[in-house]
Amino acid sequence: MVALSRLAASNTVTRVLPASTVMQLPVSGIKYLRALTQFEVGGQALHPTSGEVAGFPALSAPLDLRGVDRTIALPFRLEFELAGSDSLQFLPLAADTAVTAKVDWPHPDFDGAFLPVSHELAIQGYMANWHVLELNRAIPPSWTGTDPSNASLLGTAFGVRLFQPSDIYTQNYRAVRYGILFIAVTFACFFAWEHLVHGLRLHPMQYLLVGLALATFYLLLLALSEHWGFGISYAVSAATLVALTTTYMAGATQIRHAALGIGAALGASYGALYVILLSEDYALLFGSLLLFAILATLMLATRKVDWSKIRGAAATDVESSERG
């Protein structure tokens, strides 16, 4: 009742009716409301209608204060169903706002102007507690009209968001981000393989065809994951790519054991990429370790290669072809 006293003293044209009031619940996304099973205030079951408060859509219902115990806090209970919304936020309009949220969602994402003072995580969901004082917000305890503005009110909102860490499109996007790295590493492996195996020379057209196969992997992964899920689609796409590349290189070079080695290296690389895609918290660490391991393997494998002789041999081959 202190708020009513402040409101009456702040403006001489304000009329205070202590016997009745209107309970208003601002709901910015009222279109997401699917069912309102309980709207009870002070032990009275109310039947709200659509209205407006402070420029927001709201649920409004008259409340008879004559049957309310004014010596204690006014209890209320709301039960409703929402569909199509990805977040739930609260406005700290009370002098002391305390909110406890129990969310049946395994991925917490706290959103808004205030973070929870404590939270508990579990496999099936989480619970969070907020405590906001009147001093924590730049909003007066009572007002009339449209002051403060909607933007000021929304700036103090806090709550939770239904965070989806990785759906099939997010996982595909993350895979593509590593695509350039894996294509570059694959070409580097082919280049080293070409100069480590005696008598082997790859044509630029062969590099081009292998590069197209590597790029097609990501398109195939996206197309299949929309129907089969990401895990199965990744396994099928990677197995198809490794089998195609191994078969092609074995036939093109006539060195079957070396082609099988390349296939095994590709299979291990895409297996490591899958682990990185699933490890959100350690993706950077695993990616860095994988890149270092591949680079170290290439450097150790080619440490005895005389690149100057290879360049001279390539120049000699070009001169011979020009004379011919």
C-alpha atoms as a PDB file:
ATOM      1  CA  MET A   1       0.000   0.000   0.000  1.00  0.00           C
ATOM      2  CA  VAL A   2       3.051   2.255   0.216  1.00  0.00           C
ATOM      3  CA  ALA A   3       3.043   2.571  -3.568  1.00  0.00           C
ATOM      4  CA  LEU A   4      -0.549   3.818  -3.466  1.00  0.00           C
ATOM      5  CA  SER A   5       0.386   6.427  -0.880  1.00  0.00           C
ATOM      6  CA  ARG A   6       3.295   7.629  -3.016  1.00  0.00           C
ATOM      7  CA  LEU A   7       1.091   7.774  -6.079  1.00  0.00           C
ATOM      8  CA  ALA A   8      -1.572   9.786  -4.263  1.00  0.00           C
ATOM      9  CA  ALA A   9       0.982  12.236  -2.904  1.00  0.00           C
ATOM     10  CA  SER A  10       2.799  12.697  -6.218  1.00  0.00           C
ATOM     11  CA  ASN A  11      -0.098  14.153  -8.204  1.00  0.00           C
ATOM     12  CA  THR A  12      -3.066  16.092  -6.884  1.00  0.00           C
ATOM     13  CA  VAL A  13      -5.313  14.960  -9.770  1.00  0.00           C
ATOM     14  CA  THR A  14      -4.788  11.280  -8.993  1.00  0.00           C
ATOM     15  CA  ARG A  15      -7.742   9.484  -7.459  1.00  0.00           C
ATOM     16  CA  VAL A  16      -6.995   6.481  -5.274  1.00  0.00           C
ATOM     17  CA  LEU A  17      -9.796   3.946  -4.777  1.00  0.00           C
ATOM     18  CA  PRO A  18      -8.651   1.711  -1.897  1.00  0.00           C
ATOM     19  CA  ALA A  19     -11.572  -0.705  -2.297  1.00  0.00           C
ATOM     20  CA  SER A  20     -10.739  -1.855  -5.825  1.00  0.00           C
ATOM     21  CA  THR A  21      -7.907  -1.924  -8.308  1.00  0.00           C
ATOM     22  CA  VAL A  22      -6.904  -3.528 -11.580  1.00  0.00           C
ATOM     23  CA  MET A  23      -4.363  -6.295 -11.821  1.00  0.00           C
ATOM     24  CA  GLN A  24      -2.361  -5.854 -15.023  1.00  0.00           C
ATOM     25  CA  LEU A  25       0.249  -8.268 -16.384  1.00  0.00           C
ATOM     26  CA  PRO A  26       2.324  -6.837 -19.264  1.00  0.00           C
ATOM     27  CA  VAL A  27       3.040  -9.534 -21.858  1.00  0.00           C
ATOM     28  CA  SER A  28       5.119  -8.243 -24.754  1.00  0.00           C
ATOM     29  CA  GLY A  29       4.631 -11.475 -26.724  1.00  0.00           C
ATOM     30  CA  ILE A  30       0.964 -12.001 -25.994  1.00  0.00           C
ATOM     31  CA  LYS A  31       0.567 -13.701 -29.375  1.00  0.00           C
ATOM     32  CA  TYR A  32       2.608 -16.626 -28.003  1.00  0.00           C
ATOM     33  CA  LEU A  33       0.064 -17.244 -25.209  1.00  0.00           C
ATOM     34  CA  ARG A  34      -1.738 -20.545 -25.854  1.00  0.00           C
ATOM     35  CA  ALA A  35      -3.570 -21.158 -22.579  1.00  0.00           C
ATOM     36  CA  LEU A  36      -4.163 -19.369 -19.258  1.00  0.00           C
ATOM     37  CA  THR A  37      -5.157 -22.051 -16.769  1.00  0.00           C
ATOM     38  CA  GLN A  38      -4.900 -20.014 -13.560  1.00  0.00           C
ATOM     39  CA  PHE A  39      -4.896 -16.292 -12.727  1.00  0.00           C
ATOM     40  CA  GLU A  40      -5.277 -15.945  -8.966  1.00  0.00           C
ATOM     41  CA  VAL A  41      -4.477 -12.867  -6.865  1.00  0.00           C
ATOM     42  CA  GLY A  42      -4.947 -12.671  -3.098  1.00  0.00           C
ATOM     43  CA  GLY A  43      -6.971 -15.872  -3.152  1.00  0.00           C
ATOM     44  CA  GLN A  44      -9.375 -14.494  -5.775  1.00  0.00           C
ATOM     45  CA  ALA A  45      -9.727 -16.274  -9.108  1.00  0.00           C
ATOM     46  CA  LEU A  46      -9.702 -13.583 -11.799  1.00  0.00           C
ATOM     47  CA  HIS A  47     -10.800 -13.703 -15.407  1.00  0.00           C
ATOM     48  CA  PRO A  48      -8.507 -11.327 -17.302  1.00  0.00           C
ATOM     49  CA  THR A  49      -9.143  -9.663 -20.624  1.00  0.00           C
ATOM     50  CA  SER A  50      -6.786  -8.078 -23.144  1.00  0.00           C
ATOM     51  CA  GLY A  51      -5.644  -4.581 -22.313  1.00  0.00           C
ATOM     52  CA  GLU A  52      -2.644  -2.287 -22.325  1.00  0.00           C
ATOM     53  CA  VAL A  53      -0.259  -0.954 -19.686  1.00  0.00           C
ATOM     54  CA  ALA A  54       2.738   1.343 -20.172  1.00  0.00           C
ATOM     55  CA  GLY A  55       2.442   0.857 -23.929  1.00  0.00           C
ATOM     56  CA  PHE A  56       2.607  -2.952 -23.699  1.00  0.00           C
ATOM     57  CA  PRO A  57      -0.138  -5.501 -24.410  1.00  0.00           C
ATOM     58  CA  ALA A  58      -1.339  -6.791 -21.063  1.00  0.00           C
ATOM     59  CA  LEU A  59      -3.766  -9.085 -19.288  1.00  0.00           C
ATOM     60  CA  SER A  60      -6.095  -6.946 -17.135  1.00  0.00           C
ATOM     61  CA  ALA A  61      -8.590  -7.999 -14.463  1.00  0.00           C
ATOM     62  CA  PRO A  62     -10.449  -6.018 -11.754  1.00  0.00           C
ATOM     63  CA  LEU A  63      -9.480  -6.927  -8.189  1.00  0.00           C
ATOM     64  CA  ASP A  64     -11.649  -6.348  -5.086  1.00  0.00           C
ATOM     65  CA  LEU A  65      -9.330  -5.183  -2.296  1.00  0.00           C
ATOM     66  CA  ARG A  66     -11.948  -5.449   0.435  1.00  0.00           C
ATOM     67  CA  GLY A  67     -11.301  -9.176   0.776  1.00  0.00           C
ATOM     68  CA  VAL A  68      -7.518  -8.840   0.744  1.00  0.00           C
ATOM     69  CA  ASP A  69      -5.376  -8.922   3.896  1.00  0.00           C
ATOM     70  CA  ARG A  70      -3.375  -5.689   3.592  1.00  0.00           C
ATOM     71  CA  THR A  71      -1.030  -6.535   6.443  1.00  0.00           C
ATOM     72  CA  ILE A  72       0.882  -9.095   4.402  1.00  0.00           C
ATOM     73  CA  ALA A  73       2.323  -9.266   0.913  1.00  0.00           C
ATOM     74  CA  LEU A  74      -0.239  -9.811  -1.822  1.00  0.00           C
ATOM     75  CA  PRO A  75       0.229 -13.376  -3.155  1.00  0.00           C
ATOM     76  CA  PHE A  76      -0.582 -14.268  -6.748  1.00  0.00           C
ATOM     77  CA  ARG A  77      -0.359 -17.384  -8.888  1.00  0.00           C
ATOM     78  CA  LEU A  78      -0.271 -17.540 -12.672  1.00  0.00           C
ATOM     79  CA  GLU A  79      -0.250 -20.662 -14.791  1.00  0.00           C
ATOM     80  CA  PHE A  80      -0.076 -20.327 -18.558  1.00  0.00           C
ATOM     81  CA  GLU A  81       1.300 -22.025 -21.651  1.00  0.00           C
ATOM     82  CA  LEU A  82       3.512 -20.363 -24.240  1.00  0.00           C
ATOM     83  CA  ALA A  83       4.397 -21.609 -27.713  1.00  0.00           C
ATOM     84  CA  GLY A  84       6.672 -20.094 -30.333  1.00  0.00           C
ATOM     85  CA  SER A  85       8.722 -17.958 -27.935  1.00  0.00           C
ATOM     86  CA  ASP A  86      12.440 -18.510 -27.370  1.00  0.00           C
ATOM     87  CA  SER A  87      12.822 -16.533 -24.129  1.00  0.00           C
ATOM     88  CA  LEU A  88      11.081 -15.550 -20.900  1.00  0.00           C
ATOM     89  CA  GLN A  89      11.955 -12.233 -19.243  1.00  0.00           C
ATOM     90  CA  PHE A  90      10.794 -10.328 -16.172  1.00  0.00           C
ATOM     91  CA  LEU A  91      10.558  -6.604 -15.369  1.00  0.00           C
ATOM     92  CA  PRO A  92      11.867  -5.657 -11.878  1.00  0.00           C
ATOM     93  CA  LEU A  93       9.126  -3.118 -11.064  1.00  0.00           C
ATOM     94  CA  ALA A  94       8.885  -3.943  -7.354  1.00  0.00           C
ATOM     95  CA  ALA A  95      10.962  -2.330  -4.631  1.00  0.00           C
ATOM     96  CA  ASP A  96      12.558  -5.742  -4.040  1.00  0.00           C
ATOM     97  CA  THR A  97      12.246  -8.218  -6.925  1.00  0.00           C
ATOM     98  CA  ALA A  98      13.133 -11.868  -6.311  1.00  0.00           C
ATOM     99  CA  VAL A  99      12.643 -14.413  -9.092  1.00  0.00           C
ATOM    100  CA  THR A 100      13.309 -18.148  -9.054  1.00  0.00           C
ATOM    101  CA  ALA A 101      13.079 -19.938 -12.402  1.00  0.00           C
ATOM    102  CA  LYS A 102      13.126 -23.703 -12.891  1.00  0.00           C
ATOM    103  CA  VAL A 103      13.710 -24.511 -16.539  1.00  0.00           C
ATOM    104  CA  ASP A 104      13.419 -27.974 -18.099  1.00  0.00           C
ATOM    105  CA  TRP A 105      16.102 -27.202 -20.670  1.00  0.00           C
ATOM    106  CA  PRO A 106      19.657 -28.555 -20.482  1.00  0.00           C
ATOM    107  CA  HIS A 107      21.435 -25.487 -21.905  1.00  0.00           C
ATOM    108  CA  PRO A 108      21.281 -22.335 -19.714  1.00  0.00           C
ATOM    109  CA  ASP A 109      21.459 -18.936 -21.360  1.00  0.00           C
ATOM    110  CA  PHE A 110      20.842 -16.003 -19.020  1.00  0.00           C
ATOM    111  CA  ASP A 111      19.757 -12.885 -20.848  1.00  0.00           C
ATOM    112  CA  GLY A 112      18.989  -9.279 -19.974  1.00  0.00           C
ATOM    113  CA  ALA A 113      20.201  -6.510 -17.683  1.00  0.00           C
ATOM    114  CA  PHE A 114      20.758  -8.663 -14.567  1.00  0.00           C
ATOM    115  CA  LEU A 115      22.466 -12.009 -14.157  1.00  0.00           C
ATOM    116  CA  PRO A 116      21.264 -14.531 -11.565  1.00  0.00           C
ATOM    117  CA  VAL A 117      22.844 -14.343  -8.134  1.00  0.00           C
ATOM    118  CA  SER A 118      22.969 -18.153  -8.050  1.00  0.00           C
ATOM    119  CA  HIS A 119      22.121 -21.068 -10.278  1.00  0.00           C
ATOM    120  CA  GLU A 120      22.166 -24.860 -10.171  1.00  0.00           C
ATOM    121  CA  LEU A 121      22.772 -27.051 -13.210  1.00  0.00           C
ATOM    122  CA  ALA A 122      21.451 -30.554 -13.747  1.00  0.00           C
ATOM    123  CA  ILE A 123      21.181 -32.976 -16.656  1.00  0.00           C
ATOM    124  CA  GLN A 124      17.451 -32.425 -17.108  1.00  0.00           C
ATOM    125  CA  GLY A 125      17.481 -28.649 -16.600  1.00  0.00           C
ATOM    126  CA  TYR A 126      18.588 -25.843 -14.296  1.00  0.00           C
ATOM    127  CA  MET A 127      17.348 -23.437 -11.622  1.00  0.00           C
ATOM    128  CA  ALA A 128      18.349 -19.783 -11.307  1.00  0.00           C
ATOM    129  CA  ASN A 129      17.678 -17.066  -8.723  1.00  0.00           C
ATOM    130  CA  TRP A 130      17.614 -13.309  -9.330  1.00  0.00           C
ATOM    131  CA  HIS A 131      17.443 -10.511  -6.763  1.00  0.00           C
ATOM    132  CA  VAL A 132      17.008  -6.943  -8.007  1.00  0.00           C
ATOM    133  CA  LEU A 133      16.586  -3.920  -5.751  1.00  0.00           C
ATOM    134  CA  GLU A 134      14.817  -0.679  -6.561  1.00  0.00           C
ATOM    135  CA  LEU A 135      18.224   1.023  -6.404  1.00  0.00           C
ATOM    136  CA  ASN A 136      19.539  -1.227  -9.182  1.00  0.00           C
ATOM    137  CA  ARG A 137      17.252   0.248 -11.838  1.00  0.00           C
ATOM    138  CA  ALA A 138      16.718   3.761 -13.177  1.00  0.00           C
ATOM    139  CA  ILE A 139      12.923   3.583 -12.977  1.00  0.00           C
ATOM    140  CA  PRO A 140      10.750   5.494 -10.473  1.00  0.00           C
ATOM    141  CA  PRO A 141       8.642   3.451  -8.039  1.00  0.00           C
ATOM    142  CA  SER A 142       5.412   4.838  -9.528  1.00  0.00           C
ATOM    143  CA  TRP A 143       4.433   6.934 -12.515  1.00  0.00           C
ATOM    144  CA  THR A 144       1.535   7.952 -14.702  1.00  0.00           C
ATOM    145  CA  GLY A 145       1.227   8.077 -18.471  1.00  0.00           C
ATOM    146  CA  THR A 146       4.028   6.848 -20.720  1.00  0.00           C
ATOM    147  CA  ASP A 147       6.986   8.000 -18.630  1.00  0.00           C
ATOM    148  CA  PRO A 148       9.299   6.042 -18.452  1.00  0.00           C
ATOM    149  CA  SER A 149       9.391   4.885 -22.054  1.00  0.00           C
ATOM    150  CA  ASN A 150       9.090   1.325 -23.288  1.00  0.00           C
ATOM    151  CA  ALA A 151      12.787   1.269 -24.111  1.00  0.00           C
ATOM    152  CA  SER A 152      13.669   2.203 -20.519  1.00  0.00           C
ATOM    153  CA  LEU A 153      11.444  -0.538 -19.158  1.00  0.00           C
ATOM    154  CA  LEU A 154      12.777  -3.193 -21.540  1.00  0.00           C
ATOM    155  CA  GLY A 155      16.317  -2.138 -20.671  1.00  0.00           C
ATOM    156  CA  THR A 156      15.814  -3.489 -17.152  1.00  0.00           C
ATOM    157  CA  ALA A 157      14.350  -6.853 -18.204  1.00  0.00           C
ATOM    158  CA  PHE A 158      16.111 -10.089 -17.289  1.00  0.00           C
ATOM    159  CA  GLY A 159      15.398 -13.758 -17.758  1.00  0.00           C
ATOM    160  CA  VAL A 160      16.348 -16.880 -19.672  1.00  0.00           C
ATOM    161  CA  ARG A 161      16.615 -17.810 -23.311  1.00  0.00           C
ATOM    162  CA  LEU A 162      16.089 -21.282 -24.739  1.00  0.00           C
ATOM    163  CA  PHE A 163      19.550 -21.662 -26.165  1.00  0.00           C
ATOM    164  CA  GLN A 164      20.031 -24.368 -28.792  1.00  0.00           C
ATOM    165  CA  PRO A 165      23.808 -24.946 -28.873  1.00  0.00           C
ATOM    166  CA  SER A 166      24.072 -26.930 -32.084  1.00  0.00           C
ATOM    167  CA  ASP A 167      21.398 -27.915 -34.563  1.00  0.00           C
ATOM    168  CA  ILE A 168      22.212 -29.435 -37.944  1.00  0.00           C
ATOM    169  CA  TYR A 169      22.713 -26.039 -39.595  1.00  0.00           C
ATOM    170  CA  THR A 170      24.998 -24.787 -36.828  1.00  0.00           C
ATOM    171  CA  GLN A 171      27.045 -27.973 -37.043  1.00  0.00           C
ATOM    172  CA  ASN A 172      27.255 -27.682 -40.833  1.00  0.00           C
ATOM    173  CA  TYR A 173      28.353 -24.075 -40.522  1.00  0.00           C
ATOM    174  CA  ARG A 174      31.058 -25.038 -38.044  1.00  0.00           C
ATOM    175  CA  ALA A 175      32.205 -27.827 -40.375  1.00  0.00           C
ATOM    176  CA  VAL A 176      32.490 -25.379 -43.293  1.00  0.00           C
ATOM    177  CA  ARG A 177      34.575 -23.026 -41.158  1.00  0.00           C
ATOM    178  CA  TYR A 178      37.125 -25.816 -40.813  1.00  0.00           C
ATOM    179  CA  GLY A 179      36.754 -26.716 -44.507  1.00  0.00           C
ATOM    180  CA  ILE A 180      39.420 -24.361 -45.860  1.00  0.00           C
ATOM    181  CA  LEU A 181      41.887 -25.630 -43.270  1.00  0.00           C
ATOM    182  CA  PHE A 182      41.240 -29.290 -44.120  1.00  0.00           C
ATOM    183  CA  ILE A 183      41.411 -28.717 -47.867  1.00  0.00           C
ATOM    184  CA  ALA A 184      44.717 -26.849 -47.480  1.00  0.00           C
ATOM    185  CA  VAL A 185      46.124 -29.580 -45.213  1.00  0.00           C
ATOM    186  CA  THR A 186      44.981 -32.288 -47.647  1.00  0.00           C
ATOM    187  CA  PHE A 187      46.726 -30.568 -50.552  1.00  0.00           C
ATOM    188  CA  ALA A 188      49.850 -30.169 -48.422  1.00  0.00           C
ATOM    189  CA  CYS A 189      49.758 -33.903 -47.651  1.00  0.00           C
ATOM    190  CA  PHE A 190      49.380 -34.710 -51.357  1.00  0.00           C
ATOM    191  CA  PHE A 191      52.269 -32.401 -52.189  1.00  0.00           C
ATOM    192  CA  ALA A 192      54.505 -34.048 -49.585  1.00  0.00           C
ATOM    193  CA  TRP A 193      53.362 -37.501 -50.682  1.00  0.00           C
ATOM    194  CA  GLU A 194      54.212 -36.643 -54.276  1.00  0.00           C
ATOM    195  CA  HIS A 195      57.802 -35.838 -53.370  1.00  0.00           C
ATOM    196  CA  LEU A 196      58.306 -38.614 -50.852  1.00  0.00           C
ATOM    197  CA  VAL A 197      57.260 -41.442 -53.167  1.00  0.00           C
ATOM    198  CA  HIS A 198      59.891 -42.071 -55.832  1.00  0.00           C
ATOM    199  CA  GLY A 199      58.683 -41.673 -59.396  1.00  0.00           C
ATOM    200  CA  LEU A 200      55.307 -40.170 -58.477  1.00  0.00           C
ATOM    201  CA  ARG A 201      54.141 -36.962 -60.118  1.00  0.00           C
ATOM    202  CA  LEU A 202      50.602 -35.632 -59.853  1.00  0.00           C
ATOM    203  CA  HIS A 203      49.029 -33.508 -62.560  1.00  0.00           C
ATOM    204  CA  PRO A 204      47.309 -30.219 -61.653  1.00  0.00           C
ATOM    205  CA  MET A 205      44.085 -31.716 -62.999  1.00  0.00           C
ATOM    206  CA  GLN A 206      44.314 -34.434 -60.367  1.00  0.00           C
ATOM    207  CA  TYR A 207      44.677 -31.791 -57.660  1.00  0.00           C
ATOM    208  CA  LEU A 208      41.611 -30.046 -59.078  1.00  0.00           C
ATOM    209  CA  LEU A 209      39.463 -33.178 -59.068  1.00  0.00           C
ATOM    210  CA  VAL A 210      40.456 -34.054 -55.501  1.00  0.00           C
ATOM    211  CA  GLY A 211      39.702 -30.469 -54.439  1.00  0.00           C
ATOM    212  CA  LEU A 212      36.233 -30.669 -56.009  1.00  0.00           C
ATOM    213  CA  ALA A 213      35.587 -33.934 -54.163  1.00  0.00           C
ATOM    214  CA  LEU A 214      36.617 -32.317 -50.874  1.00  0.00           C
ATOM    215  CA  ALA A 215      34.310 -29.349 -51.495  1.00  0.00           C
ATOM    216  CA  THR A 216      31.409 -31.624 -52.450  1.00  0.00           C
ATOM    217  CA  PHE A 217      31.683 -33.303 -49.054  1.00  0.00           C
ATOM    218  CA  TYR A 218      30.178 -30.244 -47.310  1.00  0.00           C
ATOM    219  CA  LEU A 219      27.324 -29.946 -49.792  1.00  0.00           C
ATOM    220  CA  LEU A 220      26.546 -33.650 -49.426  1.00  0.00           C
ATOM    221  CA  LEU A 221      26.712 -33.340 -45.623  1.00  0.00           C
ATOM    222  CA  LEU A 222      24.186 -30.489 -45.570  1.00  0.00           C
ATOM    223  CA  ALA A 223      21.778 -32.230 -47.960  1.00  0.00           C
ATOM    224  CA  LEU A 224      21.820 -35.546 -46.081  1.00  0.00           C
ATOM    225  CA  SER A 225      21.665 -34.041 -42.575  1.00  0.00           C
ATOM    226  CA  GLU A 226      18.285 -32.453 -43.351  1.00  0.00           C
ATOM    227  CA  HIS A 227      16.858 -35.970 -43.687  1.00  0.00           C
ATOM    228  CA  TRP A 228      19.034 -38.348 -41.643  1.00  0.00           C
ATOM    229  CA  GLY A 229      20.516 -36.263 -38.857  1.00  0.00           C
ATOM    230  CA  PHE A 230      24.044 -34.922 -38.573  1.00  0.00           C
ATOM    231  CA  GLY A 231      25.878 -37.968 -37.191  1.00  0.00           C
ATOM    232  CA  ILE A 232      24.744 -40.476 -39.802  1.00  0.00           C
ATOM    233  CA  SER A 233      25.106 -37.940 -42.616  1.00  0.00           C
ATOM    234  CA  TYR A 234      28.646 -37.095 -41.556  1.00  0.00           C
ATOM    235  CA  ALA A 235      29.639 -40.773 -41.455  1.00  0.00           C
ATOM    236  CA  VAL A 236      28.146 -41.459 -44.895  1.00  0.00           C
ATOM    237  CA  SER A 237      29.653 -38.326 -46.486  1.00  0.00           C
ATOM    238  CA  ALA A 238      33.109 -38.884 -44.998  1.00  0.00           C
ATOM    239  CA  ALA A 239      33.153 -42.583 -45.914  1.00  0.00           C
ATOM    240  CA  THR A 240      32.063 -41.777 -49.477  1.00  0.00           C
ATOM    241  CA  LEU A 241      34.740 -39.090 -49.844  1.00  0.00           C
ATOM    242  CA  VAL A 242      37.526 -41.285 -48.455  1.00  0.00           C
ATOM    243  CA  ALA A 243      36.520 -44.253 -50.644  1.00  0.00           C
ATOM    244  CA  LEU A 244      36.281 -42.080 -53.775  1.00  0.00           C
ATOM    245  CA  THR A 245      39.636 -40.362 -53.199  1.00  0.00           C
ATOM    246  CA  THR A 246      41.423 -43.612 -52.353  1.00  0.00           C
ATOM    247  CA  THR A 247      40.018 -45.422 -55.411  1.00  0.00           C
ATOM    248  CA  TYR A 248      40.835 -42.506 -57.703  1.00  0.00           C
ATOM    249  CA  MET A 249      44.414 -42.080 -56.498  1.00  0.00           C
ATOM    250  CA  ALA A 250      45.082 -45.829 -56.582  1.00  0.00           C
ATOM    251  CA  GLY A 251      43.983 -45.988 -60.199  1.00  0.00           C
ATOM    252  CA  ALA A 252      45.626 -42.726 -61.258  1.00  0.00           C
ATOM    253  CA  THR A 253      49.047 -43.437 -59.734  1.00  0.00           C
ATOM    254  CA  GLN A 254      49.114 -47.262 -59.826  1.00  0.00           C
ATOM    255  CA  ILE A 255      50.601 -47.202 -56.322  1.00  0.00           C
ATOM    256  CA  ARG A 256      47.926 -48.892 -54.277  1.00  0.00           C
ATOM    257  CA  HIS A 257      49.656 -49.018 -50.877  1.00  0.00           C
ATOM    258  CA  ALA A 258      50.383 -45.276 -50.982  1.00  0.00           C
ATOM    259  CA  ALA A 259      46.777 -44.523 -51.973  1.00  0.00           C
ATOM    260  CA  LEU A 260      45.563 -46.583 -49.014  1.00  0.00           C
ATOM    261  CA  GLY A 261      47.823 -44.532 -46.773  1.00  0.00           C
ATOM    262  CA  ILE A 262      46.286 -41.314 -48.102  1.00  0.00           C
ATOM    263  CA  GLY A 263      42.814 -42.757 -47.548  1.00  0.00           C
ATOM    264  CA  ALA A 264      43.664 -43.687 -43.971  1.00  0.00           C
ATOM    265  CA  ALA A 265      45.028 -40.196 -43.320  1.00  0.00           C
ATOM    266  CA  LEU A 266      41.849 -38.618 -44.756  1.00  0.00           C
ATOM    267  CA  GLY A 267      39.652 -40.896 -42.646  1.00  0.00           C
ATOM    268  CA  ALA A 268      41.583 -39.992 -39.488  1.00  0.00           C
ATOM    269  CA  SER A 269      41.358 -36.279 -40.329  1.00  0.00           C
ATOM    270  CA  TYR A 270      37.597 -36.324 -40.794  1.00  0.00           C
ATOM    271  CA  GLY A 271      37.192 -38.413 -37.658  1.00  0.00           C
ATOM    272  CA  ALA A 272      39.136 -35.772 -35.738  1.00  0.00           C
ATOM    273  CA  LEU A 273      36.999 -33.036 -37.335  1.00  0.00           C
ATOM    274  CA  TYR A 274      33.851 -34.764 -36.091  1.00  0.00           C
ATOM    275  CA  VAL A 275      35.232 -34.835 -32.548  1.00  0.00           C
ATOM    276  CA  ILE A 276      35.983 -31.108 -32.810  1.00  0.00           C
ATOM    277  CA  LEU A 277      32.462 -30.349 -34.031  1.00  0.00           C
ATOM    278  CA  LEU A 278      30.909 -32.158 -31.067  1.00  0.00           C
ATOM    279  CA  SER A 279      33.261 -30.637 -28.478  1.00  0.00           C
ATOM    280  CA  GLU A 280      31.919 -27.105 -28.122  1.00  0.00           C
ATOM    281  CA  ASP A 281      33.874 -26.230 -24.983  1.00  0.00           C
ATOM    282  CA  TYR A 282      37.173 -27.670 -26.258  1.00  0.00           C
ATOM    283  CA  ALA A 283      36.846 -27.035 -30.004  1.00  0.00           C
ATOM    284  CA  LEU A 284      39.662 -24.463 -30.082  1.00  0.00           C
ATOM    285  CA  LEU A 285      41.980 -26.681 -28.041  1.00  0.00           C
ATOM    286  CA  PHE A 286      41.332 -29.809 -30.119  1.00  0.00           C
ATOM    287  CA  GLY A 287      41.573 -27.873 -33.389  1.00  0.00           C
ATOM    288  CA  SER A 288      44.899 -26.327 -32.390  1.00  0.00           C
ATOM    289  CA  LEU A 289      46.311 -29.682 -31.301  1.00  0.00           C
ATOM    290  CA  LEU A 290      45.155 -31.328 -34.533  1.00  0.00           C
ATOM    291  CA  LEU A 291      46.695 -28.601 -36.680  1.00  0.00           C
ATOM    292  CA  PHE A 292      49.964 -28.840 -34.755  1.00  0.00           C
ATOM    293  CA  ALA A 293      50.024 -32.640 -35.086  1.00  0.00           C
ATOM    294  CA  ILE A 294      49.449 -32.497 -38.855  1.00  0.00           C
ATOM    295  CA  LEU A 295      52.067 -29.789 -39.331  1.00  0.00           C
ATOM    296  CA  ALA A 296      54.586 -31.656 -37.172  1.00  0.00           C
ATOM    297  CA  THR A 297      53.975 -34.859 -39.151  1.00  0.00           C
ATOM    298  CA  LEU A 298      54.533 -33.063 -42.460  1.00  0.00           C
ATOM    299  CA  MET A 299      57.701 -31.370 -41.221  1.00  0.00           C
ATOM    300  CA  LEU A 300      59.177 -34.598 -39.856  1.00  0.00           C
ATOM    301  CA  ALA A 301      58.246 -36.582 -42.959  1.00  0.00           C
ATOM    302  CA  THR A 302      59.853 -34.055 -45.324  1.00  0.00           C
ATOM    303  CA  ARG A 303      62.811 -33.048 -43.160  1.00  0.00           C
ATOM    304  CA  LYS A 304      65.279 -34.813 -45.504  1.00  0.00           C
ATOM    305  CA  VAL A 305      63.738 -33.576 -48.744  1.00  0.00           C
ATOM    306  CA  ASP A 306      66.029 -31.258 -50.716  1.00  0.00           C
ATOM    307  CA  TRP A 307      63.512 -28.741 -52.037  1.00  0.00           C
ATOM    308  CA  SER A 308      66.139 -26.938 -54.135  1.00  0.00           C
ATOM    309  CA  LYS A 309      66.830 -30.118 -56.137  1.00  0.00           C
ATOM    310  CA  ILE A 310      63.102 -30.646 -56.626  1.00  0.00           C
ATOM    311  CA  ARG A 311      62.763 -27.117 -57.985  1.00  0.00           C
ATOM    312  CA  GLY A 312      65.769 -27.642 -60.258  1.00  0.00           C
ATOM    313  CA  ALA A 313      64.372 -30.937 -61.509  1.00  0.00           C
ATOM    314  CA  ALA A 314      61.032 -29.269 -62.231  1.00  0.00           C
ATOM    315  CA  ALA A 315      62.787 -26.519 -64.195  1.00  0.00           C
ATOM    316  CA  THR A 316      64.741 -29.115 -66.162  1.00  0.00           C
ATOM    317  CA  ASP A 317      61.528 -30.938 -67.043  1.00  0.00           C
ATOM    318  CA  VAL A 318      60.003 -27.683 -68.300  1.00  0.00           C
ATOM    319  CA  GLU A 319      63.052 -26.914 -70.460  1.00  0.00           C
ATOM    320  CA  SER A 320      63.041 -30.418 -71.892  1.00  0.00           C
ATOM    321  CA  SER A 321      59.371 -30.152 -72.791  1.00  0.00           C
ATOM    322  CA  GLU A 322      59.970 -26.797 -74.488  1.00  0.00           C
ATOM    323  CA  ARG A 323      62.802 -28.203 -76.594  1.00  0.00           C
ATOM    324  CA  GLY A 324      60.715 -31.179 -77.547  1.00  0.00           C
END
